[in-house]
Structures are given as structure tokens and as C-alpha cells.
């Protein structure tokens, strides 16, 4: 599992200068609904590589969160529960 340091390092990556061909396409991510939320999060992180910087088709996407907002984990849990 990713450490807090790993997540901070991934979060610091910038969209400018990123090679879009090396980014993972979020549309290719497969999530099994018959496993626990924790297992879904682990699977998602393993497949996406960087949950803050990825692509959708030919568009690079950078995710940022407000310092006083919800954590990445809580956002992923909400998405993956559905």
C-alpha cells in the first residue's frame, strides 16, 4: 500500500511536462464490486498508478483537493462504494 510519503510525492507531480502516453487511462480501470471497499481502493491504486494525475482518452487530468476538504481516501471510498 502507498505510504503518506508516496502519496505526497505523487500529488506533487505536475501536469505540465507530463508525457500523456505514460499516464494511465482511467477508463481502462476495472473495479470488482464483490470485494471490500479496502480491496477496491487497493486495486484502483495499483491500476491507476498516480491517483492525482492520469488521463481520460487523450486528456490529461490533475486532481487537487482543498487542505480543509475531504481526503483522497474518503473520496475514493465514496466513489467505490457506488
PDB file of N, CA and C in Angstrom:
ATOM      1  N   UNK A   1       0.847  -1.188   0.000  1.00  0.00           N
ATOM      2  CA  UNK A   1       0.000   0.000   0.000  1.00  0.00           C
ATOM      3  C   UNK A   1       0.880   1.234   0.000  1.00  0.00           C
ATOM      4  N   UNK A   2       0.377   2.293  -0.562  1.00  0.00           N
ATOM      5  CA  UNK A   2       1.125   3.540  -0.627  1.00  0.00           C
ATOM      6  C   UNK A   2       1.228   4.182   0.750  1.00  0.00           C
ATOM      7  N   UNK A   3       2.402   4.724   1.033  1.00  0.00           N
ATOM      8  CA  UNK A   3       2.597   5.454   2.278  1.00  0.00           C
ATOM      9  C   UNK A   3       2.169   6.904   2.077  1.00  0.00           C
ATOM     10  N   UNK A   4       2.086   7.641   3.171  1.00  0.00           N
ATOM     11  CA  UNK A   4       1.766   9.073   3.079  1.00  0.00           C
ATOM     12  C   UNK A   4       2.813   9.788   2.241  1.00  0.00           C
ATOM     13  N   UNK A   5       4.082   9.394   2.396  1.00  0.00           N
ATOM     14  CA  UNK A   5       5.163   9.992   1.606  1.00  0.00           C
ATOM     15  C   UNK A   5       4.958   9.712   0.117  1.00  0.00           C
ATOM     16  N   UNK A   6       4.594   8.480  -0.209  1.00  0.00           N
ATOM     17  CA  UNK A   6       4.329   8.120  -1.610  1.00  0.00           C
ATOM     18  C   UNK A   6       3.221   8.991  -2.195  1.00  0.00           C
ATOM     19  N   UNK A   7       2.131   9.144  -1.430  1.00  0.00           N
ATOM     20  CA  UNK A   7       1.007   9.953  -1.908  1.00  0.00           C
ATOM     21  C   UNK A   7       1.408  11.413  -2.085  1.00  0.00           C
ATOM     22  N   UNK A   8       2.218  11.946  -1.170  1.00  0.00           N
ATOM     23  CA  UNK A   8       2.691  13.333  -1.293  1.00  0.00           C
ATOM     24  C   UNK A   8       3.560  13.496  -2.531  1.00  0.00           C
ATOM     25  N   UNK A   9       4.399  12.508  -2.800  1.00  0.00           N
ATOM     26  CA  UNK A   9       5.265  12.541  -3.989  1.00  0.00           C
ATOM     27  C   UNK A   9       4.419  12.519  -5.258  1.00  0.00           C
ATOM     28  N   UNK A  10       3.417  11.644  -5.296  1.00  0.00           N
ATOM     29  CA  UNK A  10       2.539  11.563  -6.461  1.00  0.00           C
ATOM     30  C   UNK A  10       1.737  12.850  -6.632  1.00  0.00           C
ATOM     31  N   UNK A  11       1.278  13.405  -5.514  1.00  0.00           N
ATOM     32  CA  UNK A  11       0.496  14.644  -5.557  1.00  0.00           C
ATOM     33  C   UNK A  11       1.314  15.804  -6.107  1.00  0.00           C
ATOM     34  N   UNK A  12       2.604  15.788  -5.869  1.00  0.00           N
ATOM     35  CA  UNK A  12       3.480  16.885  -6.301  1.00  0.00           C
ATOM     36  C   UNK A  12       3.770  16.862  -7.802  1.00  0.00           C
ATOM     37  N   UNK A  13       3.519  15.745  -8.467  1.00  0.00           N
ATOM     38  CA  UNK A  13       3.751  15.679  -9.914  1.00  0.00           C
ATOM     39  C   UNK A  13       2.849  16.680 -10.617  1.00  0.00           C
ATOM     40  N   UNK A  14       3.413  17.371 -11.583  1.00  0.00           N
ATOM     41  CA  UNK A  14       2.660  18.399 -12.308  1.00  0.00           C
ATOM     42  C   UNK A  14       2.214  17.893 -13.669  1.00  0.00           C
ATOM     43  N   UNK A  15       1.116  18.439 -14.119  1.00  0.00           N
ATOM     44  CA  UNK A  15       0.560  18.065 -15.415  1.00  0.00           C
ATOM     45  C   UNK A  15       1.426  18.604 -16.560  1.00  0.00           C
ATOM     46  N   UNK A  16       1.965  19.803 -16.361  1.00  0.00           N
ATOM     47  CA  UNK A  16       2.854  20.375 -17.376  1.00  0.00           C
ATOM     48  C   UNK A  16       4.127  19.539 -17.447  1.00  0.00           C
ATOM     49  N   UNK A  17       4.491  19.154 -18.623  1.00  0.00           N
ATOM     50  CA  UNK A  17       5.698  18.359 -18.806  1.00  0.00           C
ATOM     51  C   UNK A  17       5.473  16.865 -18.660  1.00  0.00           C
ATOM     52  N   UNK A  18       4.272  16.454 -18.283  1.00  0.00           N
ATOM     53  CA  UNK A  18       3.976  15.030 -18.177  1.00  0.00           C
ATOM     54  C   UNK A  18       3.783  14.442 -19.568  1.00  0.00           C
ATOM     55  N   UNK A  19       4.307  13.260 -19.764  1.00  0.00           N
ATOM     56  CA  UNK A  19       4.131  12.549 -21.027  1.00  0.00           C
ATOM     57  C   UNK A  19       2.778  11.842 -20.982  1.00  0.00           C
ATOM     58  N   UNK A  20       1.816  12.349 -21.737  1.00  0.00           N
ATOM     59  CA  UNK A  20       0.459  11.806 -21.699  1.00  0.00           C
ATOM     60  C   UNK A  20       0.424  10.325 -22.058  1.00  0.00           C
ATOM     61  N   UNK A  21       1.365   9.878 -22.872  1.00  0.00           N
ATOM     62  CA  UNK A  21       1.399   8.468 -23.254  1.00  0.00           C
ATOM     63  C   UNK A  21       1.793   7.563 -22.090  1.00  0.00           C
ATOM     64  N   UNK A  22       2.416   8.120 -21.058  1.00  0.00           N
ATOM     65  CA  UNK A  22       2.828   7.334 -19.892  1.00  0.00           C
ATOM     66  C   UNK A  22       1.785   7.354 -18.774  1.00  0.00           C
ATOM     67  N   UNK A  23       0.778   8.218 -18.904  1.00  0.00           N
ATOM     68  CA  UNK A  23      -0.277   8.282 -17.896  1.00  0.00           C
ATOM     69  C   UNK A  23      -1.252   7.133 -18.104  1.00  0.00           C
ATOM     70  N   UNK A  24      -1.811   6.633 -17.003  1.00  0.00           N
ATOM     71  CA  UNK A  24      -2.813   5.571 -17.080  1.00  0.00           C
ATOM     72  C   UNK A  24      -4.169   6.171 -17.446  1.00  0.00           C
ATOM     73  N   UNK A  25      -4.905   5.487 -18.296  1.00  0.00           N
ATOM     74  CA  UNK A  25      -6.231   5.938 -18.710  1.00  0.00           C
ATOM     75  C   UNK A  25      -7.266   5.412 -17.711  1.00  0.00           C
ATOM     76  N   UNK A  26      -7.942   6.325 -17.051  1.00  0.00           N
ATOM     77  CA  UNK A  26      -8.908   5.932 -16.012  1.00  0.00           C
ATOM     78  C   UNK A  26     -10.066   5.120 -16.582  1.00  0.00           C
ATOM     79  N   UNK A  27     -10.359   5.267 -17.859  1.00  0.00           N
ATOM     80  CA  UNK A  27     -11.463   4.498 -18.448  1.00  0.00           C
ATOM     81  C   UNK A  27     -11.129   3.012 -18.551  1.00  0.00           C
ATOM     82  N   UNK A  28      -9.850   2.666 -18.422  1.00  0.00           N
ATOM     83  CA  UNK A  28      -9.441   1.261 -18.502  1.00  0.00           C
ATOM     84  C   UNK A  28      -9.437   0.572 -17.138  1.00  0.00           C
ATOM     85  N   UNK A  29      -9.723   1.322 -16.086  1.00  0.00           N
ATOM     86  CA  UNK A  29      -9.709   0.768 -14.736  1.00  0.00           C
ATOM     87  C   UNK A  29     -10.933  -0.128 -14.535  1.00  0.00           C
ATOM     88  N   UNK A  30     -10.708  -1.308 -14.009  1.00  0.00           N
ATOM     89  CA  UNK A  30     -11.787  -2.261 -13.717  1.00  0.00           C
ATOM     90  C   UNK A  30     -11.884  -2.427 -12.208  1.00  0.00           C
ATOM     91  N   UNK A  31     -13.074  -2.223 -11.666  1.00  0.00           N
ATOM     92  CA  UNK A  31     -13.319  -2.351 -10.236  1.00  0.00           C
ATOM     93  C   UNK A  31     -14.326  -3.470 -10.005  1.00  0.00           C
ATOM     94  N   UNK A  32     -13.933  -4.434  -9.170  1.00  0.00           N
ATOM     95  CA  UNK A  32     -14.840  -5.526  -8.813  1.00  0.00           C
ATOM     96  C   UNK A  32     -15.748  -5.075  -7.680  1.00  0.00           C
ATOM     97  N   UNK A  33     -17.030  -5.225  -7.864  1.00  0.00           N
ATOM     98  CA  UNK A  33     -17.993  -4.774  -6.853  1.00  0.00           C
ATOM     99  C   UNK A  33     -18.215  -5.798  -5.750  1.00  0.00           C
ATOM    100  N   UNK A  34     -17.716  -7.008  -5.943  1.00  0.00           N
ATOM    101  CA  UNK A  34     -17.960  -8.059  -4.945  1.00  0.00           C
ATOM    102  C   UNK A  34     -16.828  -8.184  -3.923  1.00  0.00           C
ATOM    103  N   UNK A  35     -15.949  -7.190  -3.847  1.00  0.00           N
ATOM    104  CA  UNK A  35     -14.873  -7.194  -2.850  1.00  0.00           C
ATOM    105  C   UNK A  35     -15.060  -6.003  -1.913  1.00  0.00           C
ATOM    106  N   UNK A  36     -14.339  -5.999  -0.815  1.00  0.00           N
ATOM    107  CA  UNK A  36     -14.484  -4.927   0.175  1.00  0.00           C
ATOM    108  C   UNK A  36     -14.018  -3.585  -0.389  1.00  0.00           C
ATOM    109  N   UNK A  37     -14.457  -2.505   0.245  1.00  0.00           N
ATOM    110  CA  UNK A  37     -14.055  -1.165  -0.177  1.00  0.00           C
ATOM    111  C   UNK A  37     -12.536  -1.039  -0.111  1.00  0.00           C
ATOM    112  N   UNK A  38     -11.932  -1.572   0.936  1.00  0.00           N
ATOM    113  CA  UNK A  38     -10.470  -1.511   1.066  1.00  0.00           C
ATOM    114  C   UNK A  38      -9.792  -2.198  -0.112  1.00  0.00           C
ATOM    115  N   UNK A  39     -10.294  -3.361  -0.508  1.00  0.00           N
ATOM    116  CA  UNK A  39      -9.731  -4.080  -1.654  1.00  0.00           C
ATOM    117  C   UNK A  39      -9.957  -3.311  -2.956  1.00  0.00           C
ATOM    118  N   UNK A  40     -11.093  -2.626  -3.075  1.00  0.00           N
ATOM    119  CA  UNK A  40     -11.354  -1.807  -4.267  1.00  0.00           C
ATOM    120  C   UNK A  40     -10.360  -0.661  -4.351  1.00  0.00           C
ATOM    121  N   UNK A  41     -10.089  -0.021  -3.214  1.00  0.00           N
ATOM    122  CA  UNK A  41      -9.132   1.098  -3.190  1.00  0.00           C
ATOM    123  C   UNK A  41      -7.745   0.615  -3.580  1.00  0.00           C
ATOM    124  N   UNK A  42      -7.327  -0.503  -3.012  1.00  0.00           N
ATOM    125  CA  UNK A  42      -6.007  -1.052  -3.335  1.00  0.00           C
ATOM    126  C   UNK A  42      -5.927  -1.381  -4.820  1.00  0.00           C
ATOM    127  N   UNK A  43      -6.961  -2.020  -5.337  1.00  0.00           N
ATOM    128  CA  UNK A  43      -6.987  -2.364  -6.761  1.00  0.00           C
ATOM    129  C   UNK A  43      -6.930  -1.118  -7.629  1.00  0.00           C
ATOM    130  N   UNK A  44      -7.723  -0.102  -7.276  1.00  0.00           N
ATOM    131  CA  UNK A  44      -7.724   1.138  -8.034  1.00  0.00           C
ATOM    132  C   UNK A  44      -6.337   1.772  -8.039  1.00  0.00           C
ATOM    133  N   UNK A  45      -5.716   1.872  -6.871  1.00  0.00           N
ATOM    134  CA  UNK A  45      -4.389   2.495  -6.781  1.00  0.00           C
ATOM    135  C   UNK A  45      -3.341   1.712  -7.563  1.00  0.00           C
ATOM    136  N   UNK A  46      -3.431   0.398  -7.529  1.00  0.00           N
ATOM    137  CA  UNK A  46      -2.477  -0.419  -8.288  1.00  0.00           C
ATOM    138  C   UNK A  46      -2.656  -0.216  -9.794  1.00  0.00           C
ATOM    139  N   UNK A  47      -3.898  -0.072 -10.229  1.00  0.00           N
ATOM    140  CA  UNK A  47      -4.168   0.087 -11.659  1.00  0.00           C
ATOM    141  C   UNK A  47      -3.859   1.494 -12.162  1.00  0.00           C
ATOM    142  N   UNK A  48      -4.178   2.524 -11.376  1.00  0.00           N
ATOM    143  CA  UNK A  48      -4.052   3.904 -11.841  1.00  0.00           C
ATOM    144  C   UNK A  48      -2.629   4.427 -11.690  1.00  0.00           C
ATOM    145  N   UNK A  49      -1.881   3.893 -10.746  1.00  0.00           N
ATOM    146  CA  UNK A  49      -0.520   4.374 -10.531  1.00  0.00           C
ATOM    147  C   UNK A  49      -0.510   5.660  -9.727  1.00  0.00           C
ATOM    148  N   UNK A  50      -0.899   6.751 -10.347  1.00  0.00           N
ATOM    149  CA  UNK A  50      -0.960   8.039  -9.665  1.00  0.00           C
ATOM    150  C   UNK A  50      -2.423   8.500  -9.635  1.00  0.00           C
ATOM    151  N   UNK A  51      -3.056   8.472  -8.451  1.00  0.00           N
ATOM    152  CA  UNK A  51      -4.461   8.862  -8.383  1.00  0.00           C
ATOM    153  C   UNK A  51      -4.689  10.363  -8.554  1.00  0.00           C
ATOM    154  N   UNK A  52      -3.614  11.133  -8.574  1.00  0.00           N
ATOM    155  CA  UNK A  52      -3.719  12.583  -8.746  1.00  0.00           C
ATOM    156  C   UNK A  52      -3.484  13.022 -10.196  1.00  0.00           C
ATOM    157  N   UNK A  53      -2.855  12.177 -10.987  1.00  0.00           N
ATOM    158  CA  UNK A  53      -2.501  12.545 -12.361  1.00  0.00           C
ATOM    159  C   UNK A  53      -2.691  11.335 -13.266  1.00  0.00           C
ATOM    160  N   UNK A  54      -3.658  11.438 -14.162  1.00  0.00           N
ATOM    161  CA  UNK A  54      -3.986  10.348 -15.065  1.00  0.00           C
ATOM    162  C   UNK A  54      -4.580  10.944 -16.329  1.00  0.00           C
ATOM    163  N   UNK A  55      -5.092  10.116 -17.200  1.00  0.00           N
ATOM    164  CA  UNK A  55      -5.728  10.645 -18.409  1.00  0.00           C
ATOM    165  C   UNK A  55      -7.073   9.991 -18.623  1.00  0.00           C
ATOM    166  N   UNK A  56      -7.871  10.648 -19.432  1.00  0.00           N
ATOM    167  CA  UNK A  56      -9.138  10.110 -19.914  1.00  0.00           C
ATOM    168  C   UNK A  56      -9.095  10.321 -21.418  1.00  0.00           C
ATOM    169  N   UNK A  57      -9.003   9.231 -22.140  1.00  0.00           N
ATOM    170  CA  UNK A  57      -8.782   9.272 -23.588  1.00  0.00           C
ATOM    171  C   UNK A  57      -7.492  10.037 -23.864  1.00  0.00           C
ATOM    172  N   UNK A  58      -7.580  11.191 -24.506  1.00  0.00           N
ATOM    173  CA  UNK A  58      -6.369  11.964 -24.836  1.00  0.00           C
ATOM    174  C   UNK A  58      -6.229  13.220 -23.986  1.00  0.00           C
ATOM    175  N   UNK A  59      -6.917  13.267 -22.852  1.00  0.00           N
ATOM    176  CA  UNK A  59      -6.879  14.446 -21.995  1.00  0.00           C
ATOM    177  C   UNK A  59      -6.221  14.109 -20.662  1.00  0.00           C
ATOM    178  N   UNK A  60      -5.161  14.833 -20.326  1.00  0.00           N
ATOM    179  CA  UNK A  60      -4.507  14.667 -19.033  1.00  0.00           C
ATOM    180  C   UNK A  60      -5.350  15.347 -17.961  1.00  0.00           C
ATOM    181  N   UNK A  61      -5.440  14.717 -16.800  1.00  0.00           N
ATOM    182  CA  UNK A  61      -6.254  15.231 -15.698  1.00  0.00           C
ATOM    183  C   UNK A  61      -5.410  15.265 -14.431  1.00  0.00           C
ATOM    184  N   UNK A  62      -5.421  16.397 -13.749  1.00  0.00           N
ATOM    185  CA  UNK A  62      -4.729  16.571 -12.469  1.00  0.00           C
ATOM    186  C   UNK A  62      -5.786  16.843 -11.407  1.00  0.00           C
ATOM    187  N   UNK A  63      -5.804  16.017 -10.353  1.00  0.00           N
ATOM    188  CA  UNK A  63      -6.759  16.151  -9.262  1.00  0.00           C
ATOM    189  C   UNK A  63      -6.085  16.880  -8.103  1.00  0.00           C
ATOM    190  N   UNK A  64      -6.794  17.846  -7.542  1.00  0.00           N
ATOM    191  CA  UNK A  64      -6.304  18.562  -6.359  1.00  0.00           C
ATOM    192  C   UNK A  64      -7.432  18.656  -5.358  1.00  0.00           C
ATOM    193  N   UNK A  65      -7.065  18.648  -4.082  1.00  0.00           N
ATOM    194  CA  UNK A  65      -8.039  18.727  -3.002  1.00  0.00           C
ATOM    195  C   UNK A  65      -7.724  19.929  -2.129  1.00  0.00           C
ATOM    196  N   UNK A  66      -8.753  20.546  -1.591  1.00  0.00           N
ATOM    197  CA  UNK A  66      -8.570  21.649  -0.649  1.00  0.00           C
ATOM    198  C   UNK A  66      -7.970  21.108   0.642  1.00  0.00           C
ATOM    199  N   UNK A  67      -7.106  21.907   1.271  1.00  0.00           N
ATOM    200  CA  UNK A  67      -6.453  21.459   2.507  1.00  0.00           C
ATOM    201  C   UNK A  67      -7.451  21.112   3.602  1.00  0.00           C
ATOM    202  N   UNK A  68      -8.565  21.801   3.656  1.00  0.00           N
ATOM    203  CA  UNK A  68      -9.550  21.529   4.695  1.00  0.00           C
ATOM    204  C   UNK A  68     -10.711  20.682   4.178  1.00  0.00           C
ATOM    205  N   UNK A  69     -10.550  20.120   2.988  1.00  0.00           N
ATOM    206  CA  UNK A  69     -11.600  19.295   2.397  1.00  0.00           C
ATOM    207  C   UNK A  69     -11.410  17.828   2.713  1.00  0.00           C
ATOM    208  N   UNK A  70     -12.192  16.972   2.072  1.00  0.00           N
ATOM    209  CA  UNK A  70     -12.092  15.535   2.315  1.00  0.00           C
ATOM    210  C   UNK A  70     -10.765  14.973   1.792  1.00  0.00           C
ATOM    211  N   UNK A  71     -10.335  13.861   2.369  1.00  0.00           N
ATOM    212  CA  UNK A  71      -9.091  13.222   1.948  1.00  0.00           C
ATOM    213  C   UNK A  71      -9.313  12.437   0.659  1.00  0.00           C
ATOM    214  N   UNK A  72      -8.211  12.085   0.012  1.00  0.00           N
ATOM    215  CA  UNK A  72      -8.285  11.244  -1.177  1.00  0.00           C
ATOM    216  C   UNK A  72      -8.955   9.924  -0.820  1.00  0.00           C
ATOM    217  N   UNK A  73      -8.587   9.343   0.310  1.00  0.00           N
ATOM    218  CA  UNK A  73      -9.166   8.068   0.714  1.00  0.00           C
ATOM    219  C   UNK A  73     -10.676   8.165   0.874  1.00  0.00           C
ATOM    220  N   UNK A  74     -11.152   9.210   1.540  1.00  0.00           N
ATOM    221  CA  UNK A  74     -12.601   9.317   1.736  1.00  0.00           C
ATOM    222  C   UNK A  74     -13.322   9.531   0.406  1.00  0.00           C
ATOM    223  N   UNK A  75     -12.722  10.276  -0.506  1.00  0.00           N
ATOM    224  CA  UNK A  75     -13.333  10.465  -1.833  1.00  0.00           C
ATOM    225  C   UNK A  75     -13.375   9.146  -2.600  1.00  0.00           C
ATOM    226  N   UNK A  76     -12.264   8.390  -2.559  1.00  0.00           N
ATOM    227  CA  UNK A  76     -12.234   7.095  -3.239  1.00  0.00           C
ATOM    228  C   UNK A  76     -13.263   6.144  -2.644  1.00  0.00           C
ATOM    229  N   UNK A  77     -13.373   6.133  -1.315  1.00  0.00           N
ATOM    230  CA  UNK A  77     -14.356   5.261  -0.674  1.00  0.00           C
ATOM    231  C   UNK A  77     -15.765   5.582  -1.151  1.00  0.00           C
ATOM    232  N   UNK A  78     -16.109   6.858  -1.231  1.00  0.00           N
ATOM    233  CA  UNK A  78     -17.449   7.246  -1.676  1.00  0.00           C
ATOM    234  C   UNK A  78     -17.709   6.793  -3.106  1.00  0.00           C
ATOM    235  N   UNK A  79     -16.702   6.962  -3.966  1.00  0.00           N
ATOM    236  CA  UNK A  79     -16.847   6.573  -5.371  1.00  0.00           C
ATOM    237  C   UNK A  79     -16.965   5.061  -5.499  1.00  0.00           C
ATOM    238  N   UNK A  80     -16.099   4.344  -4.800  1.00  0.00           N
ATOM    239  CA  UNK A  80     -16.030   2.890  -4.966  1.00  0.00           C
ATOM    240  C   UNK A  80     -17.147   2.142  -4.259  1.00  0.00           C
ATOM    241  N   UNK A  81     -17.797   2.766  -3.304  1.00  0.00           N
ATOM    242  CA  UNK A  81     -18.957   2.142  -2.657  1.00  0.00           C
ATOM    243  C   UNK A  81     -20.094   2.040  -3.657  1.00  0.00           C
ATOM    244  N   UNK A  82     -20.205   3.038  -4.521  1.00  0.00           N
ATOM    245  CA  UNK A  82     -21.253   3.062  -5.539  1.00  0.00           C
ATOM    246  C   UNK A  82     -20.924   2.017  -6.577  1.00  0.00           C
TER     247      UNK A  82
END
